[in-house]
PDB file of N, CA and C in Angstrom:
ATOM      1  N   MET A   1      -1.566  -4.908  -0.593  1.00  0.00           N
ATOM      2  CA  MET A   1      -0.279  -4.253  -0.532  1.00  0.00           C
ATOM      3  C   MET A   1       0.283  -4.203  -1.953  1.00  0.00           C
ATOM      4  N   GLU A   2       0.793  -3.044  -2.322  1.00  0.00           N
ATOM      5  CA  GLU A   2       1.245  -2.846  -3.698  1.00  0.00           C
ATOM      6  C   GLU A   2       2.376  -1.825  -3.732  1.00  0.00           C
ATOM      7  N   ARG A   3       3.377  -2.083  -4.594  1.00  0.00           N
ATOM      8  CA  ARG A   3       4.491  -1.146  -4.804  1.00  0.00           C
ATOM      9  C   ARG A   3       4.913  -1.208  -6.264  1.00  0.00           C
ATOM     10  N   THR A   4       5.527  -0.123  -6.710  1.00  0.00           N
ATOM     11  CA  THR A   4       6.068  -0.075  -8.066  1.00  0.00           C
ATOM     12  C   THR A   4       7.563   0.170  -7.985  1.00  0.00           C
ATOM     13  N   ILE A   5       8.312  -0.627  -8.753  1.00  0.00           N
ATOM     14  CA  ILE A   5       9.772  -0.562  -8.780  1.00  0.00           C
ATOM     15  C   ILE A   5      10.182  -0.126 -10.184  1.00  0.00           C
ATOM     16  N   TYR A   6      11.170   0.744 -10.271  1.00  0.00           N
ATOM     17  CA  TYR A   6      11.644   1.230 -11.571  1.00  0.00           C
ATOM     18  C   TYR A   6      13.103   0.833 -11.762  1.00  0.00           C
ATOM     19  N   GLN A   7      13.416   0.350 -12.972  1.00  0.00           N
ATOM     20  CA  GLN A   7      14.799   0.029 -13.319  1.00  0.00           C
ATOM     21  C   GLN A   7      15.069   0.570 -14.716  1.00  0.00           C
ATOM     22  N   VAL A   8      16.276   1.093 -14.914  1.00  0.00           N
ATOM     23  CA  VAL A   8      16.646   1.699 -16.185  1.00  0.00           C
ATOM     24  C   VAL A   8      17.883   0.986 -16.735  1.00  0.00           C
ATOM     25  N   PHE A   9      17.859   0.729 -18.054  1.00  0.00           N
ATOM     26  CA  PHE A   9      18.981   0.066 -18.719  1.00  0.00           C
ATOM     27  C   PHE A   9      19.428   0.913 -19.904  1.00  0.00           C
ATOM     28  N   ASP A  10      20.726   1.221 -19.945  1.00  0.00           N
ATOM     29  CA  ASP A  10      21.303   2.022 -21.026  1.00  0.00           C
ATOM     30  C   ASP A  10      21.526   1.130 -22.247  1.00  0.00           C
ATOM     31  N   VAL A  11      20.954   1.512 -23.380  1.00  0.00           N
ATOM     32  CA  VAL A  11      21.074   0.697 -24.593  1.00  0.00           C
ATOM     33  C   VAL A  11      21.583   1.520 -25.776  1.00  0.00           C
ATOM     34  N   ASP A  12      22.443   2.522 -25.490  1.00  0.00           N
ATOM     35  CA  ASP A  12      22.956   3.405 -26.543  1.00  0.00           C
ATOM     36  C   ASP A  12      23.623   2.671 -27.697  1.00  0.00           C
ATOM     37  N   SER A  13      24.533   1.750 -27.402  1.00  0.00           N
ATOM     38  CA  SER A  13      25.281   1.063 -28.464  1.00  0.00           C
ATOM     39  C   SER A  13      24.772  -0.361 -28.707  1.00  0.00           C
ATOM     40  N   VAL A  14      23.561  -0.643 -28.263  1.00  0.00           N
ATOM     41  CA  VAL A  14      22.994  -1.989 -28.369  1.00  0.00           C
ATOM     42  C   VAL A  14      22.184  -2.116 -29.653  1.00  0.00           C
ATOM     43  N   LYS A  15      22.348  -3.265 -30.313  1.00  0.00           N
ATOM     44  CA  LYS A  15      21.572  -3.535 -31.528  1.00  0.00           C
ATOM     45  C   LYS A  15      20.418  -4.500 -31.280  1.00  0.00           C
ATOM     46  N   THR A  16      20.642  -5.463 -30.366  1.00  0.00           N
ATOM     47  CA  THR A  16      19.637  -6.488 -30.087  1.00  0.00           C
ATOM     48  C   THR A  16      19.521  -6.697 -28.578  1.00  0.00           C
ATOM     49  N   VAL A  17      18.281  -6.842 -28.103  1.00  0.00           N
ATOM     50  CA  VAL A  17      18.031  -7.119 -26.687  1.00  0.00           C
ATOM     51  C   VAL A  17      17.157  -8.363 -26.599  1.00  0.00           C
ATOM     52  N   GLU A  18      17.636  -9.355 -25.870  1.00  0.00           N
ATOM     53  CA  GLU A  18      16.854 -10.563 -25.612  1.00  0.00           C
ATOM     54  C   GLU A  18      16.237 -10.413 -24.224  1.00  0.00           C
ATOM     55  N   LEU A  19      14.922 -10.591 -24.137  1.00  0.00           N
ATOM     56  CA  LEU A  19      14.227 -10.458 -22.857  1.00  0.00           C
ATOM     57  C   LEU A  19      13.932 -11.837 -22.272  1.00  0.00           C
ATOM     58  N   GLU A  20      14.390 -12.064 -21.054  1.00  0.00           N
ATOM     59  CA  GLU A  20      14.097 -13.287 -20.310  1.00  0.00           C
ATOM     60  C   GLU A  20      13.509 -12.855 -18.967  1.00  0.00           C
ATOM     61  N   ILE A  21      12.261 -12.444 -19.024  1.00  0.00           N
ATOM     62  CA  ILE A  21      11.605 -11.882 -17.852  1.00  0.00           C
ATOM     63  C   ILE A  21      10.528 -12.839 -17.368  1.00  0.00           C
ATOM     64  N   ALA A  22      10.587 -13.179 -16.084  1.00  0.00           N
ATOM     65  CA  ALA A  22       9.702 -14.199 -15.521  1.00  0.00           C
ATOM     66  C   ALA A  22       8.275 -13.697 -15.295  1.00  0.00           C
ATOM     67  N   ASP A  23       8.091 -12.386 -15.219  1.00  0.00           N
ATOM     68  CA  ASP A  23       6.780 -11.832 -14.898  1.00  0.00           C
ATOM     69  C   ASP A  23       5.957 -11.597 -16.160  1.00  0.00           C
ATOM     70  N   LEU A  24       4.684 -11.335 -15.959  1.00  0.00           N
ATOM     71  CA  LEU A  24       3.845 -10.874 -17.051  1.00  0.00           C
ATOM     72  C   LEU A  24       4.323  -9.480 -17.417  1.00  0.00           C
ATOM     73  N   TYR A  25       4.417  -9.184 -18.706  1.00  0.00           N
ATOM     74  CA  TYR A  25       4.856  -7.850 -19.099  1.00  0.00           C
ATOM     75  C   TYR A  25       4.275  -7.462 -20.444  1.00  0.00           C
ATOM     76  N   ASP A  26       4.273  -6.153 -20.666  1.00  0.00           N
ATOM     77  CA  ASP A  26       3.871  -5.611 -21.947  1.00  0.00           C
ATOM     78  C   ASP A  26       4.924  -4.591 -22.346  1.00  0.00           C
ATOM     79  N   ILE A  27       5.048  -4.358 -23.645  1.00  0.00           N
ATOM     80  CA  ILE A  27       6.074  -3.462 -24.158  1.00  0.00           C
ATOM     81  C   ILE A  27       5.409  -2.235 -24.776  1.00  0.00           C
ATOM     82  N   PHE A  28       6.017  -1.080 -24.495  1.00  0.00           N
ATOM     83  CA  PHE A  28       5.534   0.179 -25.040  1.00  0.00           C
ATOM     84  C   PHE A  28       6.714   0.933 -25.649  1.00  0.00           C
ATOM     85  N   SER A  29       6.459   1.639 -26.721  1.00  0.00           N
ATOM     86  CA  SER A  29       7.477   2.476 -27.339  1.00  0.00           C
ATOM     87  C   SER A  29       7.461   3.839 -26.670  1.00  0.00           C
ATOM     88  N   TRP A  30       8.650   4.446 -26.513  1.00  0.00           N
ATOM     89  CA  TRP A  30       8.717   5.793 -25.964  1.00  0.00           C
ATOM     90  C   TRP A  30       9.891   6.545 -26.562  1.00  0.00           C
ATOM     91  N   ALA A  31       9.941   7.842 -26.355  1.00  0.00           N
ATOM     92  CA  ALA A  31      10.961   8.686 -26.977  1.00  0.00           C
ATOM     93  C   ALA A  31      12.281   8.691 -26.206  1.00  0.00           C
ATOM     94  N   GLY A  32      12.369   7.977 -25.107  1.00  0.00           N
ATOM     95  CA  GLY A  32      13.592   7.933 -24.310  1.00  0.00           C
ATOM     96  C   GLY A  32      14.708   7.170 -25.012  1.00  0.00           C
ATOM     97  N   SER A  33      15.920   7.263 -24.468  1.00  0.00           N
ATOM     98  CA  SER A  33      17.066   6.559 -25.052  1.00  0.00           C
ATOM     99  C   SER A  33      17.468   5.337 -24.233  1.00  0.00           C
ATOM    100  N   THR A  34      16.723   5.051 -23.165  1.00  0.00           N
ATOM    101  CA  THR A  34      16.998   3.897 -22.306  1.00  0.00           C
ATOM    102  C   THR A  34      15.775   2.986 -22.294  1.00  0.00           C
ATOM    103  N   ILE A  35      15.986   1.778 -21.785  1.00  0.00           N
ATOM    104  CA  ILE A  35      14.856   0.888 -21.527  1.00  0.00           C
ATOM    105  C   ILE A  35      14.470   1.101 -20.069  1.00  0.00           C
ATOM    106  N   LEU A  36      13.214   1.446 -19.857  1.00  0.00           N
ATOM    107  CA  LEU A  36      12.684   1.666 -18.515  1.00  0.00           C
ATOM    108  C   LEU A  36      11.718   0.534 -18.206  1.00  0.00           C
ATOM    109  N   VAL A  37      11.948  -0.147 -17.090  1.00  0.00           N
ATOM    110  CA  VAL A  37      11.059  -1.231 -16.670  1.00  0.00           C
ATOM    111  C   VAL A  37      10.362  -0.785 -15.382  1.00  0.00           C
ATOM    112  N   GLU A  38       9.044  -0.780 -15.451  1.00  0.00           N
ATOM    113  CA  GLU A  38       8.202  -0.392 -14.320  1.00  0.00           C
ATOM    114  C   GLU A  38       7.490  -1.665 -13.852  1.00  0.00           C
ATOM    115  N   THR A  39       7.907  -2.191 -12.710  1.00  0.00           N
ATOM    116  CA  THR A  39       7.333  -3.429 -12.194  1.00  0.00           C
ATOM    117  C   THR A  39       6.413  -3.112 -11.026  1.00  0.00           C
ATOM    118  N   ASN A  40       5.169  -3.513 -11.158  1.00  0.00           N
ATOM    119  CA  ASN A  40       4.189  -3.325 -10.102  1.00  0.00           C
ATOM    120  C   ASN A  40       4.006  -4.666  -9.397  1.00  0.00           C
ATOM    121  N   VAL A  41       4.241  -4.687  -8.097  1.00  0.00           N
ATOM    122  CA  VAL A  41       4.136  -5.915  -7.308  1.00  0.00           C
ATOM    123  C   VAL A  41       2.942  -5.787  -6.367  1.00  0.00           C
ATOM    124  N   GLN A  42       2.055  -6.773  -6.431  1.00  0.00           N
ATOM    125  CA  GLN A  42       0.912  -6.823  -5.524  1.00  0.00           C
ATOM    126  C   GLN A  42       1.055  -8.058  -4.640  1.00  0.00           C
ATOM    127  N   LEU A  43       0.849  -7.874  -3.345  1.00  0.00           N
ATOM    128  CA  LEU A  43       0.881  -8.991  -2.391  1.00  0.00           C
ATOM    129  C   LEU A  43      -0.486  -9.118  -1.737  1.00  0.00           C
ATOM    130  N   SER A  44      -0.942 -10.349  -1.618  1.00  0.00           N
ATOM    131  CA  SER A  44      -2.132 -10.580  -0.812  1.00  0.00           C
ATOM    132  C   SER A  44      -1.684 -11.268   0.471  1.00  0.00           C
ATOM    133  N   HIS A  45      -2.299 -10.919   1.559  1.00  0.00           N
ATOM    134  CA  HIS A  45      -1.976 -11.469   2.877  1.00  0.00           C
ATOM    135  C   HIS A  45      -0.572 -11.091   3.327  1.00  0.00           C
ATOM    136  N   GLY A  46      -0.065  -9.943   2.860  1.00  0.00           N
ATOM    137  CA  GLY A  46       1.274  -9.516   3.252  1.00  0.00           C
ATOM    138  C   GLY A  46       1.238  -8.131   3.871  1.00  0.00           C
ATOM    139  N   SER A  47       2.280  -7.813   4.574  1.00  0.00           N
ATOM    140  CA  SER A  47       2.387  -6.504   5.222  1.00  0.00           C
ATOM    141  C   SER A  47       3.352  -5.625   4.429  1.00  0.00           C
ATOM    142  N   PRO A  48       3.338  -4.315   4.689  1.00  0.00           N
ATOM    143  CA  PRO A  48       4.317  -3.434   4.029  1.00  0.00           C
ATOM    144  C   PRO A  48       5.758  -3.844   4.348  1.00  0.00           C
ATOM    145  N   GLU A  49       5.992  -4.336   5.545  1.00  0.00           N
ATOM    146  CA  GLU A  49       7.348  -4.757   5.935  1.00  0.00           C
ATOM    147  C   GLU A  49       7.806  -5.963   5.123  1.00  0.00           C
ATOM    148  N   ILE A  50       6.906  -6.898   4.865  1.00  0.00           N
ATOM    149  CA  ILE A  50       7.259  -8.078   4.064  1.00  0.00           C
ATOM    150  C   ILE A  50       7.579  -7.653   2.640  1.00  0.00           C
ATOM    151  N   LEU A  51       6.763  -6.788   2.072  1.00  0.00           N
ATOM    152  CA  LEU A  51       7.011  -6.322   0.706  1.00  0.00           C
ATOM    153  C   LEU A  51       8.323  -5.545   0.636  1.00  0.00           C
ATOM    154  N   ASP A  52       8.580  -4.689   1.607  1.00  0.00           N
ATOM    155  CA  ASP A  52       9.854  -3.964   1.648  1.00  0.00           C
ATOM    156  C   ASP A  52      11.031  -4.929   1.684  1.00  0.00           C
ATOM    157  N   TYR A  53      10.922  -5.969   2.491  1.00  0.00           N
ATOM    158  CA  TYR A  53      11.987  -6.969   2.603  1.00  0.00           C
ATOM    159  C   TYR A  53      12.207  -7.679   1.264  1.00  0.00           C
ATOM    160  N   LEU A  54      11.133  -8.109   0.612  1.00  0.00           N
ATOM    161  CA  LEU A  54      11.256  -8.813  -0.668  1.00  0.00           C
ATOM    162  C   LEU A  54      11.903  -7.926  -1.724  1.00  0.00           C
ATOM    163  N   ILE A  55      11.535  -6.666  -1.742  1.00  0.00           N
ATOM    164  CA  ILE A  55      12.127  -5.733  -2.706  1.00  0.00           C
ATOM    165  C   ILE A  55      13.600  -5.511  -2.394  1.00  0.00           C
ATOM    166  N   LYS A  56      13.915  -5.310  -1.115  1.00  0.00           N
ATOM    167  CA  LYS A  56      15.307  -5.081  -0.711  1.00  0.00           C
ATOM    168  C   LYS A  56      16.183  -6.292  -1.023  1.00  0.00           C
ATOM    169  N   GLU A  57      15.634  -7.486  -0.925  1.00  0.00           N
ATOM    170  CA  GLU A  57      16.379  -8.711  -1.224  1.00  0.00           C
ATOM    171  C   GLU A  57      16.573  -8.928  -2.725  1.00  0.00           C
ATOM    172  N   GLY A  58      15.951  -8.090  -3.557  1.00  0.00           N
ATOM    173  CA  GLY A  58      16.137  -8.198  -5.002  1.00  0.00           C
ATOM    174  C   GLY A  58      15.248  -9.223  -5.674  1.00  0.00           C
ATOM    175  N   ARG A  59      14.174  -9.594  -5.033  1.00  0.00           N
ATOM    176  CA  ARG A  59      13.287 -10.640  -5.559  1.00  0.00           C
ATOM    177  C   ARG A  59      12.703 -10.290  -6.928  1.00  0.00           C
ATOM    178  N   TYR A  60      12.537  -9.025  -7.221  1.00  0.00           N
ATOM    179  CA  TYR A  60      11.920  -8.604  -8.482  1.00  0.00           C
ATOM    180  C   TYR A  60      12.914  -7.894  -9.407  1.00  0.00           C
ATOM    181  N   ASP A  61      14.195  -7.938  -9.068  1.00  0.00           N
ATOM    182  CA  ASP A  61      15.214  -7.233  -9.838  1.00  0.00           C
ATOM    183  C   ASP A  61      15.488  -7.883 -11.185  1.00  0.00           C
ATOM    184  N   LEU A  62      15.811  -7.029 -12.133  1.00  0.00           N
ATOM    185  CA  LEU A  62      16.280  -7.461 -13.444  1.00  0.00           C
ATOM    186  C   LEU A  62      17.749  -7.090 -13.543  1.00  0.00           C
ATOM    187  N   ALA A  63      18.450  -7.741 -14.461  1.00  0.00           N
ATOM    188  CA  ALA A  63      19.856  -7.435 -14.704  1.00  0.00           C
ATOM    189  C   ALA A  63      20.096  -7.461 -16.198  1.00  0.00           C
ATOM    190  N   MET A  64      21.188  -6.827 -16.610  1.00  0.00           N
ATOM    191  CA  MET A  64      21.541  -6.830 -18.031  1.00  0.00           C
ATOM    192  C   MET A  64      22.900  -7.478 -18.212  1.00  0.00           C
ATOM    193  N   ASP A  65      22.938  -8.482 -19.083  1.00  0.00           N
ATOM    194  CA  ASP A  65      24.164  -9.199 -19.424  1.00  0.00           C
ATOM    195  C   ASP A  65      24.701  -8.576 -20.708  1.00  0.00           C
ATOM    196  N   THR A  66      25.900  -8.007 -20.642  1.00  0.00           N
ATOM    197  CA  THR A  66      26.474  -7.307 -21.801  1.00  0.00           C
ATOM    198  C   THR A  66      27.694  -8.020 -22.372  1.00  0.00           C
ATOM    199  N   ILE A  67      27.862  -9.281 -22.083  1.00  0.00           N
ATOM    200  CA  ILE A  67      29.072 -10.018 -22.495  1.00  0.00           C
ATOM    201  C   ILE A  67      29.247 -10.042 -24.007  1.00  0.00           C
ATOM    202  N   VAL A  68      28.172 -10.186 -24.755  1.00  0.00           N
ATOM    203  CA  VAL A  68      28.286 -10.292 -26.220  1.00  0.00           C
ATOM    204  C   VAL A  68      27.796  -9.016 -26.913  1.00  0.00           C
ATOM    205  N   MET A  69      28.207  -7.859 -26.397  1.00  0.00           N
ATOM    206  CA  MET A  69      27.824  -6.578 -27.003  1.00  0.00           C
ATOM    207  C   MET A  69      28.087  -6.628 -28.502  1.00  0.00           C
ATOM    208  N   PRO A  70      27.297  -6.049 -29.359  1.00  0.00           N
ATOM    209  CA  PRO A  70      26.177  -5.153 -29.108  1.00  0.00           C
ATOM    210  C   PRO A  70      24.851  -5.877 -28.872  1.00  0.00           C
ATOM    211  N   GLU A  71      24.906  -7.182 -28.561  1.00  0.00           N
ATOM    212  CA  GLU A  71      23.695  -7.912 -28.198  1.00  0.00           C
ATOM    213  C   GLU A  71      23.699  -8.071 -26.678  1.00  0.00           C
ATOM    214  N   VAL A  72      22.559  -7.781 -26.043  1.00  0.00           N
ATOM    215  CA  VAL A  72      22.472  -7.894 -24.594  1.00  0.00           C
ATOM    216  C   VAL A  72      21.265  -8.733 -24.215  1.00  0.00           C
ATOM    217  N   ARG A  73      21.262  -9.132 -22.966  1.00  0.00           N
ATOM    218  CA  ARG A  73      20.145  -9.907 -22.425  1.00  0.00           C
ATOM    219  C   ARG A  73      19.698  -9.223 -21.139  1.00  0.00           C
ATOM    220  N   ILE A  74      18.411  -8.951 -21.044  1.00  0.00           N
ATOM    221  CA  ILE A  74      17.828  -8.444 -19.806  1.00  0.00           C
ATOM    222  C   ILE A  74      17.022  -9.589 -19.212  1.00  0.00           C
ATOM    223  N   TYR A  75      17.328  -9.931 -17.972  1.00  0.00           N
ATOM    224  CA  TYR A  75      16.738 -11.136 -17.385  1.00  0.00           C
ATOM    225  C   TYR A  75      16.352 -10.913 -15.925  1.00  0.00           C
ATOM    226  N   THR A  76      15.445 -11.752 -15.454  1.00  0.00           N
ATOM    227  CA  THR A  76      15.026 -11.749 -14.063  1.00  0.00           C
ATOM    228  C   THR A  76      16.104 -12.440 -13.230  1.00  0.00           C
ATOM    229  N   LYS A  77      16.578 -11.771 -12.185  1.00  0.00           N
ATOM    230  CA  LYS A  77      17.626 -12.346 -11.340  1.00  0.00           C
ATOM    231  C   LYS A  77      17.147 -13.568 -10.568  1.00  0.00           C
ATOM    232  N   MET A  78      15.870 -13.601 -10.166  1.00  0.00           N
ATOM    233  CA  MET A  78      15.293 -14.738  -9.439  1.00  0.00           C
ATOM    234  C   MET A  78      14.138 -15.325 -10.248  1.00  0.00           C
ATOM    235  N   PRO A  79      14.443 -16.018 -11.350  1.00  0.00           N
ATOM    236  CA  PRO A  79      13.360 -16.524 -12.199  1.00  0.00           C
ATOM    237  C   PRO A  79      12.555 -17.655 -11.559  1.00  0.00           C
ATOM    238  N   ASP A  80      13.128 -18.325 -10.572  1.00  0.00           N
ATOM    239  CA  ASP A  80      12.460 -19.475  -9.953  1.00  0.00           C
ATOM    240  C   ASP A  80      11.710 -19.099  -8.680  1.00  0.00           C
ATOM    241  N   ARG A  81      11.370 -17.844  -8.500  1.00  0.00           N
ATOM    242  CA  ARG A  81      10.732 -17.426  -7.254  1.00  0.00           C
ATOM    243  C   ARG A  81       9.352 -18.038  -7.053  1.00  0.00           C
ATOM    244  N   LYS A  82       8.713 -18.523  -8.124  1.00  0.00           N
ATOM    245  CA  LYS A  82       7.412 -19.187  -7.969  1.00  0.00           C
ATOM    246  C   LYS A  82       7.572 -20.482  -7.168  1.00  0.00           C
ATOM    247  N   LYS A  83       8.750 -21.083  -7.272  1.00  0.00           N
ATOM    248  CA  LYS A  83       9.031 -22.296  -6.497  1.00  0.00           C
ATOM    249  C   LYS A  83       9.370 -21.946  -5.049  1.00  0.00           C
ATOM    250  N   LYS A  84       9.870 -20.741  -4.837  1.00  0.00           N
ATOM    251  CA  LYS A  84      10.265 -20.293  -3.501  1.00  0.00           C
ATOM    252  C   LYS A  84       9.184 -19.374  -2.953  1.00  0.00           C
ATOM    253  N   ARG A  85       8.077 -19.962  -2.596  1.00  0.00           N
ATOM    254  CA  ARG A  85       6.927 -19.200  -2.099  1.00  0.00           C
ATOM    255  C   ARG A  85       7.250 -18.533  -0.773  1.00  0.00           C
ATOM    256  N   VAL A  86       6.602 -17.414  -0.545  1.00  0.00           N
ATOM    257  CA  VAL A  86       6.778 -16.678   0.705  1.00  0.00           C
ATOM    258  C   VAL A  86       5.711 -17.156   1.677  1.00  0.00           C
ATOM    259  N   LYS A  87       6.170 -17.641   2.829  1.00  0.00           N
ATOM    260  CA  LYS A  87       5.242 -18.155   3.839  1.00  0.00           C
ATOM    261  C   LYS A  87       5.417 -17.379   5.129  1.00  0.00           C
ATOM    262  N   THR A  88       4.301 -17.142   5.784  1.00  0.00           N
ATOM    263  CA  THR A  88       4.300 -16.466   7.082  1.00  0.00           C
ATOM    264  C   THR A  88       3.520 -17.347   8.055  1.00  0.00           C
ATOM    265  N   PRO A  89       3.536 -17.035   9.335  1.00  0.00           N
ATOM    266  CA  PRO A  89       2.727 -17.811  10.289  1.00  0.00           C
ATOM    267  C   PRO A  89       1.233 -17.776   9.953  1.00  0.00           C
ATOM    268  N   ASP A  90       0.807 -16.731   9.232  1.00  0.00           N
ATOM    269  CA  ASP A  90      -0.609 -16.608   8.861  1.00  0.00           C
ATOM    270  C   ASP A  90      -0.950 -17.332   7.562  1.00  0.00           C
ATOM    271  N   GLY A  91       0.045 -17.873   6.884  1.00  0.00           N
ATOM    272  CA  GLY A  91      -0.207 -18.590   5.631  1.00  0.00           C
ATOM    273  C   GLY A  91       0.713 -18.131   4.512  1.00  0.00           C
ATOM    274  N   GLU A  92       0.433 -18.625   3.318  1.00  0.00           N
ATOM    275  CA  GLU A  92       1.257 -18.323   2.160  1.00  0.00           C
ATOM    276  C   GLU A  92       0.811 -17.007   1.527  1.00  0.00           C
ATOM    277  N   ILE A  93       1.793 -16.222   1.094  1.00  0.00           N
ATOM    278  CA  ILE A  93       1.520 -14.933   0.460  1.00  0.00           C
ATOM    279  C   ILE A  93       1.450 -15.130  -1.055  1.00  0.00           C
ATOM    280  N   THR A  94       0.441 -14.540  -1.659  1.00  0.00           N
ATOM    281  CA  THR A  94       0.332 -14.559  -3.116  1.00  0.00           C
ATOM    282  C   THR A  94       0.931 -13.268  -3.637  1.00  0.00           C
ATOM    283  N   GLU A  95       1.846 -13.392  -4.601  1.00  0.00           N
ATOM    284  CA  GLU A  95       2.483 -12.210  -5.178  1.00  0.00           C
ATOM    285  C   GLU A  95       2.192 -12.156  -6.675  1.00  0.00           C
ATOM    286  N   ILE A  96       1.881 -10.968  -7.155  1.00  0.00           N
ATOM    287  CA  ILE A  96       1.593 -10.779  -8.575  1.00  0.00           C
ATOM    288  C   ILE A  96       2.452  -9.628  -9.085  1.00  0.00           C
ATOM    289  N   PRO A  97       3.613  -9.954  -9.690  1.00  0.00           N
ATOM    290  CA  PRO A  97       4.420  -8.900 -10.295  1.00  0.00           C
ATOM    291  C   PRO A  97       4.071  -8.775 -11.784  1.00  0.00           C
ATOM    292  N   GLU A  98       3.826  -7.553 -12.224  1.00  0.00           N
ATOM    293  CA  GLU A  98       3.553  -7.267 -13.633  1.00  0.00           C
ATOM    294  C   GLU A  98       4.423  -6.091 -14.047  1.00  0.00           C
ATOM    295  N   ALA A  99       4.955  -6.159 -15.259  1.00  0.00           N
ATOM    296  CA  ALA A  99       5.884  -5.119 -15.702  1.00  0.00           C
ATOM    297  C   ALA A  99       5.401  -4.434 -16.974  1.00  0.00           C
ATOM    298  N   LYS A 100       5.750  -3.165 -17.064  1.00  0.00           N
ATOM    299  CA  LYS A 100       5.615  -2.400 -18.296  1.00  0.00           C
ATOM    300  C   LYS A 100       7.031  -2.069 -18.725  1.00  0.00           C
ATOM    301  N   ILE A 101       7.363  -2.415 -19.951  1.00  0.00           N
ATOM    302  CA  ILE A 101       8.708  -2.170 -20.457  1.00  0.00           C
ATOM    303  C   ILE A 101       8.620  -1.076 -21.521  1.00  0.00           C
ATOM    304  N   PHE A 102       9.273   0.038 -21.239  1.00  0.00           N
ATOM    305  CA  PHE A 102       9.288   1.162 -22.169  1.00  0.00           C
ATOM    306  C   PHE A 102      10.595   1.107 -22.958  1.00  0.00           C
ATOM    307  N   VAL A 103      10.452   0.927 -24.272  1.00  0.00           N
ATOM    308  CA  VAL A 103      11.576   0.702 -25.165  1.00  0.00           C
ATOM    309  C   VAL A 103      11.749   1.923 -26.068  1.00  0.00           C
ATOM    310  N   PRO A 104      12.996   2.364 -26.307  1.00  0.00           N
ATOM    311  CA  PRO A 104      13.191   3.504 -27.211  1.00  0.00           C
ATOM    312  C   PRO A 104      12.501   3.260 -28.554  1.00  0.00           C
ATOM    313  N   ASP A 105      11.971   4.330 -29.129  1.00  0.00           N
ATOM    314  CA  ASP A 105      11.260   4.191 -30.404  1.00  0.00           C
ATOM    315  C   ASP A 105      12.182   3.851 -31.565  1.00  0.00           C
ATOM    316  N   THR A 106      13.474   3.713 -31.291  1.00  0.00           N
ATOM    317  CA  THR A 106      14.424   3.271 -32.314  1.00  0.00           C
ATOM    318  C   THR A 106      14.494   1.740 -32.375  1.00  0.00           C
ATOM    319  N   PHE A 107      13.702   1.061 -31.556  1.00  0.00           N
ATOM    320  CA  PHE A 107      13.658  -0.395 -31.528  1.00  0.00           C
ATOM    321  C   PHE A 107      12.288  -0.903 -31.974  1.00  0.00           C
ATOM    322  N   SER A 108      12.280  -2.116 -32.503  1.00  0.00           N
ATOM    323  CA  SER A 108      11.034  -2.847 -32.753  1.00  0.00           C
ATOM    324  C   SER A 108      11.156  -4.170 -32.018  1.00  0.00           C
ATOM    325  N   TRP A 109      10.040  -4.885 -31.823  1.00  0.00           N
ATOM    326  CA  TRP A 109      10.091  -6.139 -31.075  1.00  0.00           C
ATOM    327  C   TRP A 109       9.360  -7.241 -31.816  1.00  0.00           C
ATOM    328  N   SER A 110       9.764  -8.467 -31.497  1.00  0.00           N
ATOM    329  CA  SER A 110       9.177  -9.654 -32.113  1.00  0.00           C
ATOM    330  C   SER A 110       7.756  -9.854 -31.593  1.00  0.00           C
ATOM    331  N   GLU A 111       6.994 -10.668 -32.309  1.00  0.00           N
ATOM    332  CA  GLU A 111       5.605 -10.916 -31.942  1.00  0.00           C
ATOM    333  C   GLU A 111       5.478 -11.521 -30.541  1.00  0.00           C
ATOM    334  N   ASP A 112       6.433 -12.385 -30.156  1.00  0.00           N
ATOM    335  CA  ASP A 112       6.385 -13.003 -28.827  1.00  0.00           C
ATOM    336  C   ASP A 112       6.956 -12.090 -27.727  1.00  0.00           C
ATOM    337  N   LYS A 113       7.411 -10.910 -28.113  1.00  0.00           N
ATOM    338  CA  LYS A 113       7.922  -9.887 -27.187  1.00  0.00           C
ATOM    339  C   LYS A 113       9.156 -10.344 -26.413  1.00  0.00           C
ATOM    340  N   LYS A 114       9.952 -11.191 -27.013  1.00  0.00           N
ATOM    341  CA  LYS A 114      11.160 -11.673 -26.345  1.00  0.00           C
ATOM    342  C   LYS A 114      12.437 -11.129 -26.981  1.00  0.00           C
ATOM    343  N   LEU A 115      12.310 -10.463 -28.142  1.00  0.00           N
ATOM    344  CA  LEU A 115      13.481  -9.968 -28.848  1.00  0.00           C
ATOM    345  C   LEU A 115      13.225  -8.555 -29.345  1.00  0.00           C
ATOM    346  N   LEU A 116      14.135  -7.658 -29.001  1.00  0.00           N
ATOM    347  CA  LEU A 116      14.075  -6.266 -29.457  1.00  0.00           C
ATOM    348  C   LEU A 116      15.213  -6.046 -30.430  1.00  0.00           C
ATOM    349  N   ARG A 117      14.936  -5.358 -31.536  1.00  0.00           N
ATOM    350  CA  ARG A 117      15.983  -5.066 -32.526  1.00  0.00           C
ATOM    351  C   ARG A 117      15.938  -3.582 -32.854  1.00  0.00           C
ATOM    352  N   ARG A 118      17.145  -3.011 -32.950  1.00  0.00           N
ATOM    353  CA  ARG A 118      17.233  -1.604 -33.354  1.00  0.00           C
ATOM    354  C   ARG A 118      16.830  -1.493 -34.814  1.00  0.00           C
ATOM    355  N   LYS A 119      15.991  -0.507 -35.100  1.00  0.00           N
ATOM    356  CA  LYS A 119      15.545  -0.286 -36.477  1.00  0.00           C
ATOM    357  C   LYS A 119      16.707   0.236 -37.317  1.00  0.00           C
ATOM    358  N   GLU A 120      16.738  -0.174 -38.568  1.00  0.00           N
ATOM    359  CA  GLU A 120      17.811   0.274 -39.484  1.00  0.00           C
ATOM    360  C   GLU A 120      17.491   1.629 -40.048  1.00  0.00           C
TER     361      GLU A 120
END
């Protein structure tokens, strides 16, 4: 079972973005003006209904904290979900969320991929 979720973050007036994402991810540059996050979730031993429920509950959602603009933080809303395993009568479900983060080409990122900075 597999689904892809898309989330978009407006970063027009942002200078720095700190990424606190719990999933495996890679960063790509693109010509867009927003940050686009494409999260692919794979479940083993799960049904489409279970995956729909997990997505609807926001298990894979990201959020953006803009309190200290022009610096923002994009973070996983449920970072501890590995501790909160999904169990069914048939056993435990294995979930593998992986993300592709598309960043405007006006940004560069640190080697550890946790900090994005607008190019001067």
